[in-house]
N, C-alpha and C. Protein backbone atom coordinates (compact mmCIF):
# COMPACT_ATOMS: atom_id res chain seq x y z
N MET A 1 -1.21 -42.54 -16.06
CA MET A 1 -2.24 -42.77 -17.04
C MET A 1 -2.62 -44.23 -17.19
N SER A 2 -3.83 -44.63 -17.12
CA SER A 2 -4.24 -45.94 -17.34
C SER A 2 -4.12 -46.38 -18.73
N THR A 3 -3.60 -47.64 -18.98
CA THR A 3 -3.51 -48.11 -20.34
C THR A 3 -4.55 -49.09 -20.69
N ASN A 4 -5.54 -49.23 -19.85
CA ASN A 4 -6.61 -50.16 -20.13
C ASN A 4 -7.93 -49.44 -20.35
N ARG A 5 -8.36 -49.39 -21.59
CA ARG A 5 -9.58 -48.70 -21.88
C ARG A 5 -10.72 -49.73 -22.16
N SER A 6 -11.88 -49.17 -22.51
CA SER A 6 -13.05 -50.08 -22.70
C SER A 6 -12.83 -50.93 -23.98
N ALA A 7 -13.74 -51.88 -24.11
CA ALA A 7 -13.58 -52.84 -25.21
C ALA A 7 -13.53 -52.22 -26.59
N ASP A 8 -14.13 -51.01 -26.71
CA ASP A 8 -14.22 -50.44 -28.09
C ASP A 8 -13.03 -49.47 -28.33
N GLY A 9 -12.09 -49.39 -27.42
CA GLY A 9 -10.96 -48.51 -27.64
C GLY A 9 -9.66 -49.14 -27.26
N PRO A 10 -8.57 -48.62 -27.72
CA PRO A 10 -7.22 -49.23 -27.57
C PRO A 10 -6.54 -48.91 -26.26
N ASP A 11 -5.50 -49.63 -25.91
CA ASP A 11 -4.69 -49.17 -24.78
C ASP A 11 -3.67 -48.28 -25.34
N ALA A 12 -2.67 -47.88 -24.51
CA ALA A 12 -1.65 -46.94 -25.06
C ALA A 12 -0.50 -47.66 -25.76
N GLY A 13 -0.64 -48.95 -25.97
CA GLY A 13 0.46 -49.71 -26.60
C GLY A 13 0.31 -49.87 -28.07
N PRO A 14 0.82 -50.97 -28.60
CA PRO A 14 0.97 -51.19 -30.05
C PRO A 14 -0.38 -51.50 -30.72
N ASP A 15 -1.44 -51.65 -30.01
CA ASP A 15 -2.75 -52.01 -30.65
C ASP A 15 -3.38 -50.75 -31.30
N TRP A 16 -2.81 -49.54 -31.10
CA TRP A 16 -3.39 -48.30 -31.55
C TRP A 16 -3.75 -48.40 -33.10
N GLY A 17 -2.79 -48.72 -33.87
CA GLY A 17 -2.98 -48.78 -35.32
C GLY A 17 -4.04 -49.86 -35.68
N GLU A 18 -4.12 -50.88 -34.97
CA GLU A 18 -5.10 -51.94 -35.28
C GLU A 18 -6.56 -51.41 -35.03
N PHE A 19 -6.71 -50.64 -33.96
CA PHE A 19 -7.98 -50.07 -33.66
C PHE A 19 -8.40 -49.05 -34.73
N LEU A 20 -7.42 -48.26 -35.20
CA LEU A 20 -7.68 -47.32 -36.21
C LEU A 20 -8.25 -48.04 -37.46
N SER A 21 -7.60 -49.14 -37.84
CA SER A 21 -7.94 -49.93 -38.98
C SER A 21 -9.40 -50.49 -38.82
N THR A 22 -9.72 -50.94 -37.59
CA THR A 22 -11.00 -51.51 -37.34
C THR A 22 -12.17 -50.53 -37.73
N HIS A 23 -11.95 -49.30 -37.59
CA HIS A 23 -13.01 -48.31 -37.88
C HIS A 23 -12.85 -47.64 -39.19
N ARG A 24 -11.95 -48.09 -40.02
CA ARG A 24 -11.62 -47.41 -41.32
C ARG A 24 -12.80 -47.34 -42.20
N ASP A 25 -13.57 -48.42 -42.37
CA ASP A 25 -14.70 -48.41 -43.35
C ASP A 25 -15.77 -47.45 -42.90
N ARG A 26 -16.03 -47.44 -41.59
CA ARG A 26 -17.07 -46.45 -41.10
C ARG A 26 -16.64 -45.04 -41.30
N LEU A 27 -15.36 -44.79 -40.96
CA LEU A 27 -14.92 -43.43 -41.10
C LEU A 27 -14.83 -42.92 -42.54
N ARG A 28 -14.56 -43.89 -43.38
CA ARG A 28 -14.46 -43.52 -44.81
C ARG A 28 -15.85 -43.18 -45.37
N ARG A 29 -16.90 -43.90 -44.89
CA ARG A 29 -18.25 -43.54 -45.30
C ARG A 29 -18.59 -42.21 -44.75
N MET A 30 -18.15 -41.98 -43.49
CA MET A 30 -18.42 -40.66 -42.84
C MET A 30 -17.88 -39.52 -43.74
N VAL A 31 -16.60 -39.68 -44.12
CA VAL A 31 -15.99 -38.68 -44.95
C VAL A 31 -16.72 -38.53 -46.37
N ALA A 32 -16.95 -39.61 -47.03
CA ALA A 32 -17.58 -39.56 -48.25
C ALA A 32 -18.92 -38.84 -48.32
N LEU A 33 -19.61 -38.94 -47.16
CA LEU A 33 -20.94 -38.26 -47.11
C LEU A 33 -20.87 -36.77 -46.75
N ARG A 34 -19.62 -36.36 -46.33
CA ARG A 34 -19.46 -34.93 -45.80
C ARG A 34 -18.44 -34.11 -46.58
N LEU A 35 -17.70 -34.81 -47.44
CA LEU A 35 -16.67 -34.06 -48.24
C LEU A 35 -17.38 -33.23 -49.38
N ASP A 36 -17.15 -31.93 -49.37
CA ASP A 36 -17.82 -31.09 -50.36
C ASP A 36 -17.68 -31.58 -51.76
N HIS A 37 -18.77 -31.68 -52.54
CA HIS A 37 -18.71 -32.20 -53.90
C HIS A 37 -17.81 -31.45 -54.75
N ARG A 38 -17.55 -30.15 -54.43
CA ARG A 38 -16.74 -29.32 -55.28
C ARG A 38 -15.27 -29.79 -55.25
N LEU A 39 -14.95 -30.65 -54.29
CA LEU A 39 -13.58 -31.16 -54.18
C LEU A 39 -13.35 -32.48 -54.86
N ASN A 40 -14.39 -32.99 -55.52
CA ASN A 40 -14.20 -34.17 -56.29
C ASN A 40 -13.08 -34.13 -57.29
N GLY A 41 -12.27 -35.08 -57.26
CA GLY A 41 -11.08 -35.10 -58.17
C GLY A 41 -9.87 -34.39 -57.60
N ARG A 42 -10.09 -33.62 -56.51
CA ARG A 42 -8.98 -32.94 -55.93
C ARG A 42 -8.57 -33.57 -54.61
N VAL A 43 -9.58 -33.97 -53.79
CA VAL A 43 -9.33 -34.58 -52.52
C VAL A 43 -10.27 -35.84 -52.44
N SER A 44 -9.62 -36.89 -51.96
CA SER A 44 -10.40 -38.16 -51.85
C SER A 44 -10.67 -38.47 -50.36
N PRO A 45 -11.67 -39.22 -50.00
CA PRO A 45 -11.92 -39.62 -48.60
C PRO A 45 -10.71 -40.28 -47.99
N SER A 46 -9.93 -41.10 -48.85
CA SER A 46 -8.69 -41.69 -48.29
C SER A 46 -7.66 -40.67 -47.96
N ASP A 47 -7.53 -39.55 -48.68
CA ASP A 47 -6.66 -38.51 -48.36
C ASP A 47 -7.01 -37.85 -47.00
N VAL A 48 -8.25 -37.62 -46.78
CA VAL A 48 -8.68 -37.02 -45.52
C VAL A 48 -8.42 -37.97 -44.36
N LEU A 49 -8.69 -39.23 -44.56
CA LEU A 49 -8.54 -40.19 -43.49
C LEU A 49 -6.98 -40.26 -43.11
N GLN A 50 -6.22 -40.30 -44.14
CA GLN A 50 -4.72 -40.42 -43.84
C GLN A 50 -4.26 -39.25 -42.94
N GLU A 51 -4.70 -38.10 -43.26
CA GLU A 51 -4.34 -36.94 -42.51
C GLU A 51 -4.96 -36.96 -41.12
N ALA A 52 -6.25 -37.44 -41.05
CA ALA A 52 -6.86 -37.54 -39.80
C ALA A 52 -6.24 -38.55 -38.80
N TYR A 53 -5.73 -39.64 -39.40
CA TYR A 53 -5.04 -40.55 -38.59
C TYR A 53 -3.76 -40.09 -37.98
N ILE A 54 -3.07 -39.23 -38.78
CA ILE A 54 -1.86 -38.62 -38.26
C ILE A 54 -2.32 -37.66 -37.11
N ASP A 55 -3.44 -36.92 -37.24
CA ASP A 55 -3.96 -36.07 -36.16
C ASP A 55 -4.30 -36.87 -34.99
N ALA A 56 -4.87 -38.07 -35.16
CA ALA A 56 -5.31 -38.90 -34.00
C ALA A 56 -4.10 -39.38 -33.25
N LEU A 57 -3.03 -39.78 -33.94
CA LEU A 57 -1.87 -40.20 -33.22
C LEU A 57 -1.22 -39.09 -32.44
N LYS A 58 -1.25 -37.85 -32.96
CA LYS A 58 -0.69 -36.71 -32.22
C LYS A 58 -1.54 -36.40 -30.99
N ARG A 59 -2.88 -36.67 -31.08
CA ARG A 59 -3.77 -36.31 -30.02
C ARG A 59 -4.09 -37.47 -29.08
N ALA A 60 -3.38 -38.58 -29.27
CA ALA A 60 -3.71 -39.73 -28.48
C ALA A 60 -3.74 -39.47 -26.93
N PRO A 61 -2.80 -38.65 -26.45
CA PRO A 61 -2.93 -38.35 -24.96
C PRO A 61 -4.27 -37.81 -24.57
N HIS A 62 -4.88 -36.95 -25.39
CA HIS A 62 -6.24 -36.36 -25.11
C HIS A 62 -7.28 -37.46 -24.94
N TYR A 63 -7.17 -38.51 -25.83
CA TYR A 63 -8.18 -39.58 -25.69
C TYR A 63 -8.04 -40.31 -24.42
N PHE A 64 -6.82 -40.58 -23.98
CA PHE A 64 -6.64 -41.32 -22.69
C PHE A 64 -6.99 -40.51 -21.48
N GLU A 65 -7.18 -39.16 -21.69
CA GLU A 65 -7.60 -38.32 -20.59
C GLU A 65 -9.02 -38.29 -20.40
N LYS A 66 -9.82 -38.87 -21.38
CA LYS A 66 -11.31 -38.88 -21.38
C LYS A 66 -11.77 -40.33 -21.30
N PRO A 67 -11.71 -40.96 -20.12
CA PRO A 67 -12.00 -42.41 -19.94
C PRO A 67 -13.39 -42.75 -20.29
N ASP A 68 -14.35 -41.84 -20.29
CA ASP A 68 -15.76 -42.10 -20.61
C ASP A 68 -16.10 -42.03 -22.11
N MET A 69 -15.22 -41.47 -22.86
CA MET A 69 -15.55 -41.25 -24.33
C MET A 69 -15.23 -42.44 -25.11
N PRO A 70 -16.26 -43.05 -25.91
CA PRO A 70 -16.00 -44.16 -26.75
C PRO A 70 -14.98 -43.77 -27.78
N PHE A 71 -14.18 -44.74 -28.14
CA PHE A 71 -13.14 -44.51 -29.13
C PHE A 71 -13.69 -44.06 -30.48
N LEU A 72 -14.71 -44.65 -30.99
CA LEU A 72 -15.22 -44.28 -32.27
C LEU A 72 -15.77 -42.84 -32.19
N GLY A 73 -16.41 -42.49 -31.08
CA GLY A 73 -16.87 -41.09 -31.00
C GLY A 73 -15.73 -40.08 -31.02
N TRP A 74 -14.67 -40.42 -30.33
CA TRP A 74 -13.48 -39.56 -30.31
C TRP A 74 -12.87 -39.41 -31.67
N LEU A 75 -12.74 -40.59 -32.37
CA LEU A 75 -12.21 -40.56 -33.78
C LEU A 75 -13.06 -39.74 -34.68
N ARG A 76 -14.31 -39.83 -34.49
CA ARG A 76 -15.15 -39.00 -35.38
C ARG A 76 -14.98 -37.53 -35.22
N LEU A 77 -14.69 -37.11 -34.00
CA LEU A 77 -14.43 -35.68 -33.72
C LEU A 77 -13.11 -35.32 -34.43
N VAL A 78 -12.08 -36.13 -34.31
CA VAL A 78 -10.80 -35.91 -34.90
C VAL A 78 -10.98 -35.77 -36.49
N VAL A 79 -11.68 -36.78 -37.07
CA VAL A 79 -11.90 -36.82 -38.52
C VAL A 79 -12.74 -35.59 -38.97
N GLY A 80 -13.76 -35.28 -38.13
CA GLY A 80 -14.63 -34.09 -38.42
C GLY A 80 -13.83 -32.82 -38.48
N GLN A 81 -12.93 -32.64 -37.55
CA GLN A 81 -12.11 -31.40 -37.53
C GLN A 81 -11.15 -31.38 -38.73
N ARG A 82 -10.66 -32.53 -39.14
CA ARG A 82 -9.85 -32.57 -40.23
C ARG A 82 -10.65 -32.21 -41.57
N LEU A 83 -11.88 -32.65 -41.60
CA LEU A 83 -12.76 -32.21 -42.73
C LEU A 83 -12.97 -30.77 -42.83
N VAL A 84 -13.22 -30.20 -41.57
CA VAL A 84 -13.44 -28.70 -41.55
C VAL A 84 -12.14 -28.02 -42.09
N ASP A 85 -10.90 -28.49 -41.67
CA ASP A 85 -9.71 -27.87 -42.13
C ASP A 85 -9.51 -28.04 -43.66
N VAL A 86 -9.93 -29.23 -44.12
CA VAL A 86 -9.78 -29.46 -45.62
C VAL A 86 -10.64 -28.51 -46.38
N HIS A 87 -11.90 -28.34 -45.89
CA HIS A 87 -12.73 -27.38 -46.56
C HIS A 87 -12.26 -25.94 -46.60
N ARG A 88 -11.70 -25.59 -45.43
CA ARG A 88 -11.25 -24.22 -45.37
C ARG A 88 -9.97 -24.03 -46.28
N GLN A 89 -9.15 -25.05 -46.26
CA GLN A 89 -7.92 -24.98 -47.04
C GLN A 89 -8.20 -24.91 -48.57
N HIS A 90 -9.17 -25.71 -49.06
CA HIS A 90 -9.39 -25.74 -50.45
C HIS A 90 -10.51 -24.82 -50.97
N LEU A 91 -11.41 -24.53 -50.16
CA LEU A 91 -12.50 -23.68 -50.60
C LEU A 91 -12.38 -22.17 -50.19
N GLY A 92 -11.56 -21.99 -49.12
CA GLY A 92 -11.38 -20.62 -48.74
C GLY A 92 -12.62 -19.86 -48.40
N ALA A 93 -12.87 -18.75 -49.04
CA ALA A 93 -14.10 -17.92 -48.81
C ALA A 93 -15.31 -18.58 -49.27
N GLN A 94 -15.22 -19.73 -50.11
CA GLN A 94 -16.33 -20.43 -50.55
C GLN A 94 -16.57 -21.73 -49.73
N GLN A 95 -16.01 -21.71 -48.59
CA GLN A 95 -16.09 -22.93 -47.70
C GLN A 95 -17.58 -23.16 -47.35
N ARG A 96 -17.90 -24.38 -46.88
CA ARG A 96 -19.25 -24.79 -46.59
C ARG A 96 -19.91 -23.82 -45.65
N ASP A 97 -21.26 -23.59 -45.88
CA ASP A 97 -22.06 -22.76 -45.01
C ASP A 97 -22.01 -23.33 -43.62
N ALA A 98 -21.77 -22.43 -42.70
CA ALA A 98 -21.71 -22.87 -41.26
C ALA A 98 -22.96 -23.50 -40.78
N ARG A 99 -24.08 -23.17 -41.45
CA ARG A 99 -25.36 -23.75 -41.11
C ARG A 99 -25.44 -25.21 -41.50
N GLN A 100 -24.47 -25.68 -42.27
CA GLN A 100 -24.46 -27.06 -42.74
C GLN A 100 -23.43 -27.82 -41.91
N GLU A 101 -23.19 -27.32 -40.68
CA GLU A 101 -22.26 -28.06 -39.80
C GLU A 101 -23.03 -28.46 -38.50
N ILE A 102 -22.58 -29.47 -37.90
CA ILE A 102 -23.18 -29.99 -36.72
C ILE A 102 -22.25 -29.72 -35.51
N SER A 103 -22.76 -29.11 -34.46
CA SER A 103 -21.95 -28.80 -33.31
C SER A 103 -21.93 -30.01 -32.34
N LEU A 104 -20.72 -30.42 -32.04
CA LEU A 104 -20.55 -31.56 -31.10
C LEU A 104 -19.43 -31.29 -30.14
N ASP A 105 -19.74 -31.38 -28.80
CA ASP A 105 -18.69 -31.22 -27.85
C ASP A 105 -17.86 -29.94 -28.07
N ARG A 106 -18.58 -28.78 -28.39
CA ARG A 106 -17.91 -27.52 -28.65
C ARG A 106 -17.18 -27.49 -29.94
N THR A 107 -17.34 -28.57 -30.78
CA THR A 107 -16.64 -28.61 -32.10
C THR A 107 -17.59 -28.76 -33.16
N ALA A 108 -17.40 -28.01 -34.27
CA ALA A 108 -18.33 -28.18 -35.45
C ALA A 108 -17.64 -29.02 -36.50
N TRP A 109 -18.47 -30.00 -37.03
CA TRP A 109 -17.98 -30.72 -38.15
C TRP A 109 -18.97 -30.70 -39.22
N PRO A 110 -18.54 -30.95 -40.43
CA PRO A 110 -19.46 -30.81 -41.61
C PRO A 110 -20.66 -31.84 -41.52
N ALA A 111 -21.73 -31.38 -41.72
CA ALA A 111 -22.95 -32.28 -41.74
C ALA A 111 -22.95 -33.12 -42.94
N ALA A 112 -23.72 -34.18 -42.99
CA ALA A 112 -23.79 -35.00 -44.17
C ALA A 112 -24.40 -34.17 -45.30
N SER A 113 -23.81 -34.28 -46.44
CA SER A 113 -24.15 -33.43 -47.56
C SER A 113 -25.51 -33.99 -48.19
N SER A 114 -26.43 -33.06 -48.51
CA SER A 114 -27.66 -33.47 -49.12
C SER A 114 -27.36 -33.91 -50.56
N VAL A 115 -26.31 -33.44 -51.20
CA VAL A 115 -25.95 -33.75 -52.49
C VAL A 115 -25.46 -35.18 -52.46
N CYS A 116 -24.63 -35.55 -51.54
CA CYS A 116 -24.14 -36.97 -51.45
C CYS A 116 -25.18 -37.91 -51.01
N LEU A 117 -26.05 -37.49 -50.11
CA LEU A 117 -27.14 -38.41 -49.63
C LEU A 117 -28.05 -38.72 -50.79
N ALA A 118 -28.39 -37.73 -51.57
CA ALA A 118 -29.30 -37.87 -52.71
C ALA A 118 -28.66 -38.81 -53.73
N ALA A 119 -27.36 -38.58 -54.05
CA ALA A 119 -26.65 -39.45 -55.02
C ALA A 119 -26.67 -40.92 -54.51
N GLN A 120 -26.53 -41.06 -53.25
CA GLN A 120 -26.46 -42.48 -52.66
C GLN A 120 -27.78 -43.14 -52.93
N LEU A 121 -28.94 -42.35 -52.59
CA LEU A 121 -30.21 -42.94 -52.71
C LEU A 121 -30.57 -43.27 -54.17
N VAL A 122 -30.31 -42.34 -55.00
CA VAL A 122 -30.54 -42.58 -56.44
C VAL A 122 -29.79 -43.77 -56.92
N GLY A 123 -28.59 -43.86 -56.52
CA GLY A 123 -27.75 -45.01 -56.91
C GLY A 123 -28.27 -46.31 -56.43
N GLU A 124 -28.89 -46.38 -55.22
CA GLU A 124 -29.37 -47.47 -54.63
C GLU A 124 -30.72 -47.94 -55.20
N LEU A 125 -31.55 -46.97 -55.50
CA LEU A 125 -32.96 -47.30 -55.75
C LEU A 125 -33.43 -47.13 -57.16
N THR A 126 -32.68 -46.46 -58.05
CA THR A 126 -33.16 -46.31 -59.42
C THR A 126 -32.60 -47.49 -60.27
N SER A 127 -33.50 -47.94 -61.13
CA SER A 127 -33.07 -49.05 -62.08
C SER A 127 -32.68 -48.44 -63.37
N PRO A 128 -32.08 -49.23 -64.25
CA PRO A 128 -31.58 -48.69 -65.53
C PRO A 128 -32.79 -48.12 -66.37
N SER A 129 -33.91 -48.67 -66.17
CA SER A 129 -35.09 -48.16 -66.94
C SER A 129 -35.52 -46.81 -66.59
N HIS A 130 -35.02 -46.34 -65.45
CA HIS A 130 -35.34 -44.97 -64.92
C HIS A 130 -34.18 -44.04 -64.92
N ALA A 131 -33.09 -44.45 -65.70
CA ALA A 131 -31.83 -43.71 -65.68
C ALA A 131 -32.19 -42.25 -66.21
N ALA A 132 -33.08 -42.07 -67.15
CA ALA A 132 -33.31 -40.81 -67.72
C ALA A 132 -33.94 -39.82 -66.70
N GLN A 133 -34.45 -40.33 -65.60
CA GLN A 133 -35.04 -39.50 -64.56
C GLN A 133 -34.15 -39.22 -63.40
N ARG A 134 -32.84 -39.58 -63.60
CA ARG A 134 -31.89 -39.41 -62.52
C ARG A 134 -31.71 -38.00 -62.07
N ASN A 135 -31.46 -37.12 -63.05
CA ASN A 135 -31.21 -35.68 -62.65
C ASN A 135 -32.40 -35.06 -61.94
N GLU A 136 -33.63 -35.39 -62.46
CA GLU A 136 -34.83 -34.91 -61.77
C GLU A 136 -34.97 -35.43 -60.38
N SER A 137 -34.72 -36.71 -60.19
CA SER A 137 -34.76 -37.35 -58.88
C SER A 137 -33.76 -36.77 -57.94
N LEU A 138 -32.54 -36.55 -58.41
CA LEU A 138 -31.51 -35.92 -57.52
C LEU A 138 -31.91 -34.52 -57.11
N ALA A 139 -32.51 -33.72 -57.97
CA ALA A 139 -32.92 -32.39 -57.53
C ALA A 139 -34.04 -32.47 -56.51
N GLN A 140 -35.01 -33.35 -56.70
CA GLN A 140 -36.09 -33.50 -55.78
C GLN A 140 -35.56 -33.96 -54.41
N LEU A 141 -34.69 -34.96 -54.43
CA LEU A 141 -34.16 -35.48 -53.16
C LEU A 141 -33.36 -34.50 -52.42
N GLU A 142 -32.51 -33.75 -53.13
CA GLU A 142 -31.67 -32.77 -52.52
C GLU A 142 -32.52 -31.65 -51.88
N GLU A 143 -33.62 -31.29 -52.52
CA GLU A 143 -34.48 -30.20 -51.97
C GLU A 143 -35.20 -30.78 -50.72
N ALA A 144 -35.68 -32.01 -50.74
CA ALA A 144 -36.33 -32.63 -49.58
C ALA A 144 -35.39 -32.75 -48.38
N LEU A 145 -34.15 -33.24 -48.67
CA LEU A 145 -33.13 -33.40 -47.62
C LEU A 145 -32.69 -32.09 -47.06
N ASN A 146 -32.62 -31.01 -47.86
CA ASN A 146 -32.27 -29.72 -47.36
C ASN A 146 -33.35 -29.14 -46.44
N GLN A 147 -34.57 -29.61 -46.60
CA GLN A 147 -35.65 -29.06 -45.80
C GLN A 147 -35.69 -29.79 -44.39
N MET A 148 -35.05 -30.86 -44.23
CA MET A 148 -34.98 -31.56 -42.97
C MET A 148 -34.18 -30.74 -41.98
N ASP A 149 -34.57 -30.96 -40.67
CA ASP A 149 -33.71 -30.47 -39.60
C ASP A 149 -32.34 -31.10 -39.76
N PRO A 150 -31.29 -30.27 -39.72
CA PRO A 150 -29.92 -30.79 -39.85
C PRO A 150 -29.58 -32.03 -39.00
N LEU A 151 -30.15 -32.02 -37.73
CA LEU A 151 -29.74 -33.14 -36.82
C LEU A 151 -30.53 -34.36 -37.30
N ASP A 152 -31.83 -34.14 -37.78
CA ASP A 152 -32.55 -35.34 -38.32
C ASP A 152 -31.83 -35.94 -39.52
N ARG A 153 -31.30 -35.04 -40.40
CA ARG A 153 -30.61 -35.56 -41.58
C ARG A 153 -29.31 -36.28 -41.15
N GLU A 154 -28.68 -35.74 -40.17
CA GLU A 154 -27.50 -36.39 -39.66
C GLU A 154 -27.75 -37.77 -39.11
N VAL A 155 -28.84 -37.83 -38.31
CA VAL A 155 -29.23 -39.16 -37.80
C VAL A 155 -29.51 -40.16 -38.86
N LEU A 156 -30.18 -39.64 -39.93
CA LEU A 156 -30.51 -40.50 -41.12
C LEU A 156 -29.24 -41.01 -41.76
N ALA A 157 -28.24 -40.13 -41.90
CA ALA A 157 -27.00 -40.54 -42.54
C ALA A 157 -26.25 -41.51 -41.72
N LEU A 158 -26.23 -41.33 -40.37
CA LEU A 158 -25.50 -42.23 -39.50
C LEU A 158 -26.17 -43.56 -39.47
N ARG A 159 -27.50 -43.60 -39.42
CA ARG A 159 -28.26 -44.91 -39.29
C ARG A 159 -28.24 -45.67 -40.57
N HIS A 160 -28.76 -44.95 -41.65
CA HIS A 160 -29.02 -45.63 -42.90
C HIS A 160 -27.71 -45.89 -43.76
N PHE A 161 -26.94 -44.78 -43.86
CA PHE A 161 -25.82 -44.90 -44.73
C PHE A 161 -24.52 -45.44 -44.11
N GLU A 162 -24.26 -44.98 -42.87
CA GLU A 162 -23.06 -45.47 -42.14
C GLU A 162 -23.33 -46.66 -41.31
N GLU A 163 -24.62 -47.06 -41.16
CA GLU A 163 -25.02 -48.33 -40.54
C GLU A 163 -24.57 -48.35 -39.03
N LEU A 164 -24.62 -47.22 -38.40
CA LEU A 164 -24.39 -47.27 -36.93
C LEU A 164 -25.61 -47.64 -36.22
N SER A 165 -25.52 -48.21 -35.05
CA SER A 165 -26.63 -48.56 -34.25
C SER A 165 -27.20 -47.34 -33.63
N ASN A 166 -28.40 -47.48 -33.06
CA ASN A 166 -29.09 -46.34 -32.44
C ASN A 166 -28.22 -45.84 -31.16
N THR A 167 -27.65 -46.85 -30.49
CA THR A 167 -26.79 -46.46 -29.37
C THR A 167 -25.56 -45.73 -29.84
N GLU A 168 -24.97 -46.15 -30.89
CA GLU A 168 -23.77 -45.46 -31.40
C GLU A 168 -24.13 -44.06 -31.86
N VAL A 169 -25.25 -43.92 -32.53
CA VAL A 169 -25.68 -42.58 -32.97
C VAL A 169 -25.86 -41.61 -31.87
N ALA A 170 -26.48 -42.11 -30.76
CA ALA A 170 -26.66 -41.28 -29.62
C ALA A 170 -25.35 -40.80 -28.99
N GLU A 171 -24.38 -41.82 -28.92
CA GLU A 171 -23.16 -41.51 -28.36
C GLU A 171 -22.39 -40.53 -29.25
N VAL A 172 -22.45 -40.68 -30.59
CA VAL A 172 -21.66 -39.80 -31.46
C VAL A 172 -22.23 -38.36 -31.40
N LEU A 173 -23.56 -38.23 -31.35
CA LEU A 173 -24.20 -36.93 -31.31
C LEU A 173 -24.39 -36.35 -29.98
N GLY A 174 -24.17 -37.15 -28.96
CA GLY A 174 -24.29 -36.64 -27.60
C GLY A 174 -25.71 -36.38 -27.25
N ILE A 175 -26.71 -37.24 -27.70
CA ILE A 175 -28.09 -37.06 -27.37
C ILE A 175 -28.58 -38.38 -26.73
N GLN A 176 -29.74 -38.35 -26.15
CA GLN A 176 -30.38 -39.56 -25.52
C GLN A 176 -30.74 -40.57 -26.63
N LYS A 177 -30.71 -41.88 -26.33
CA LYS A 177 -31.04 -42.92 -27.31
C LYS A 177 -32.48 -42.76 -27.80
N ALA A 178 -33.37 -42.45 -26.85
CA ALA A 178 -34.78 -42.23 -27.20
C ALA A 178 -34.83 -41.04 -28.28
N ALA A 179 -34.07 -40.05 -28.10
CA ALA A 179 -34.21 -38.88 -29.02
C ALA A 179 -33.64 -39.21 -30.40
N ALA A 180 -32.53 -40.04 -30.33
CA ALA A 180 -31.95 -40.52 -31.59
C ALA A 180 -32.88 -41.32 -32.44
N SER A 181 -33.56 -42.23 -31.69
CA SER A 181 -34.57 -43.16 -32.31
C SER A 181 -35.72 -42.30 -32.86
N LYS A 182 -36.23 -41.41 -32.17
CA LYS A 182 -37.37 -40.54 -32.55
C LYS A 182 -37.03 -39.73 -33.84
N ARG A 183 -35.82 -39.20 -33.82
CA ARG A 183 -35.33 -38.43 -34.96
C ARG A 183 -35.19 -39.28 -36.24
N TYR A 184 -34.70 -40.48 -36.06
CA TYR A 184 -34.59 -41.37 -37.15
C TYR A 184 -35.89 -41.75 -37.72
N VAL A 185 -36.82 -42.12 -36.96
CA VAL A 185 -38.16 -42.49 -37.42
C VAL A 185 -38.78 -41.35 -38.19
N ARG A 186 -38.59 -40.10 -37.62
CA ARG A 186 -39.21 -38.90 -38.24
C ARG A 186 -38.56 -38.66 -39.60
N ALA A 187 -37.26 -38.79 -39.63
CA ALA A 187 -36.57 -38.48 -40.94
C ALA A 187 -36.82 -39.56 -41.91
N LEU A 188 -36.91 -40.82 -41.51
CA LEU A 188 -37.22 -41.95 -42.44
C LEU A 188 -38.61 -41.76 -43.02
N ALA A 189 -39.53 -41.39 -42.16
CA ALA A 189 -40.89 -41.18 -42.68
C ALA A 189 -41.01 -40.06 -43.70
N ARG A 190 -40.28 -39.01 -43.45
CA ARG A 190 -40.27 -37.87 -44.34
C ARG A 190 -39.62 -38.32 -45.66
N LEU A 191 -38.58 -39.08 -45.64
CA LEU A 191 -37.87 -39.50 -46.82
C LEU A 191 -38.73 -40.51 -47.63
N LYS A 192 -39.46 -41.35 -46.89
CA LYS A 192 -40.32 -42.26 -47.57
C LYS A 192 -41.48 -41.62 -48.29
N ASP A 193 -42.05 -40.55 -47.66
CA ASP A 193 -43.07 -39.75 -48.29
C ASP A 193 -42.59 -39.14 -49.61
N VAL A 194 -41.35 -38.67 -49.60
CA VAL A 194 -40.80 -37.99 -50.80
C VAL A 194 -40.63 -39.09 -51.89
N LEU A 195 -40.02 -40.18 -51.53
CA LEU A 195 -39.70 -41.25 -52.45
C LEU A 195 -40.97 -41.77 -53.06
N ALA A 196 -42.07 -41.86 -52.32
CA ALA A 196 -43.32 -42.37 -52.79
C ALA A 196 -43.87 -41.57 -53.96
N THR A 197 -43.53 -40.36 -54.06
CA THR A 197 -44.06 -39.42 -55.14
C THR A 197 -43.19 -39.43 -56.39
N MET A 198 -42.05 -40.19 -56.34
CA MET A 198 -41.11 -40.14 -57.39
C MET A 198 -41.21 -41.43 -58.34
N PRO A 199 -41.32 -41.24 -59.63
CA PRO A 199 -41.38 -42.43 -60.50
C PRO A 199 -40.19 -43.26 -60.33
N GLY A 200 -40.36 -44.58 -60.27
CA GLY A 200 -39.23 -45.49 -60.20
C GLY A 200 -38.86 -45.83 -58.81
N PHE A 201 -39.31 -45.15 -57.78
CA PHE A 201 -39.00 -45.39 -56.41
C PHE A 201 -40.07 -46.16 -55.64
N ALA A 202 -41.35 -45.78 -55.91
CA ALA A 202 -42.46 -46.33 -55.12
C ALA A 202 -42.52 -47.88 -55.19
N GLU A 203 -42.16 -48.41 -56.38
CA GLU A 203 -42.35 -49.90 -56.48
C GLU A 203 -41.08 -50.68 -55.97
N GLN A 204 -40.06 -49.93 -55.53
CA GLN A 204 -38.88 -50.61 -55.10
C GLN A 204 -38.74 -50.59 -53.57
């Protein structure tokens, strides 16, 4: 087994933990956007990441068997599977709708939650003077986000909220860079149209 991977991934030696830490912030944002809101107060993104890192260490040999897979992309698959397991464990028969999952490399992971995305947007864009409109804004945004193609919504979450590059988004989702860019532009245009109709958003 080769111990020399690409620049974005670790070798088989002691640098493993360091590379996990390098991606912690990105992965935490990933979990925060996908952790079912019904688990608030019961499970935190940090809890999920801790368990996912244990999974990653156990599955390290699988990573080294896939020399072409970027380390971040592989980590996201591991974290995504841990999220699916957490939802099944805590929600049981009320687990997330399978239609709200994204299929990647024959693995399904929870898609970015419209509830979490809407809350992020309202938190970023509303001013104190519009606080009374928060609930109405949340409902409108959730409805608009739910009407998006799930993959478009996922691209929006990856680019805007997780701050991944277009190249990274394409690698994570297993699509062409041109397709990732097109979907992001389409989703962003749709979102801007919705925001333009909402009081307190248009002027910001």
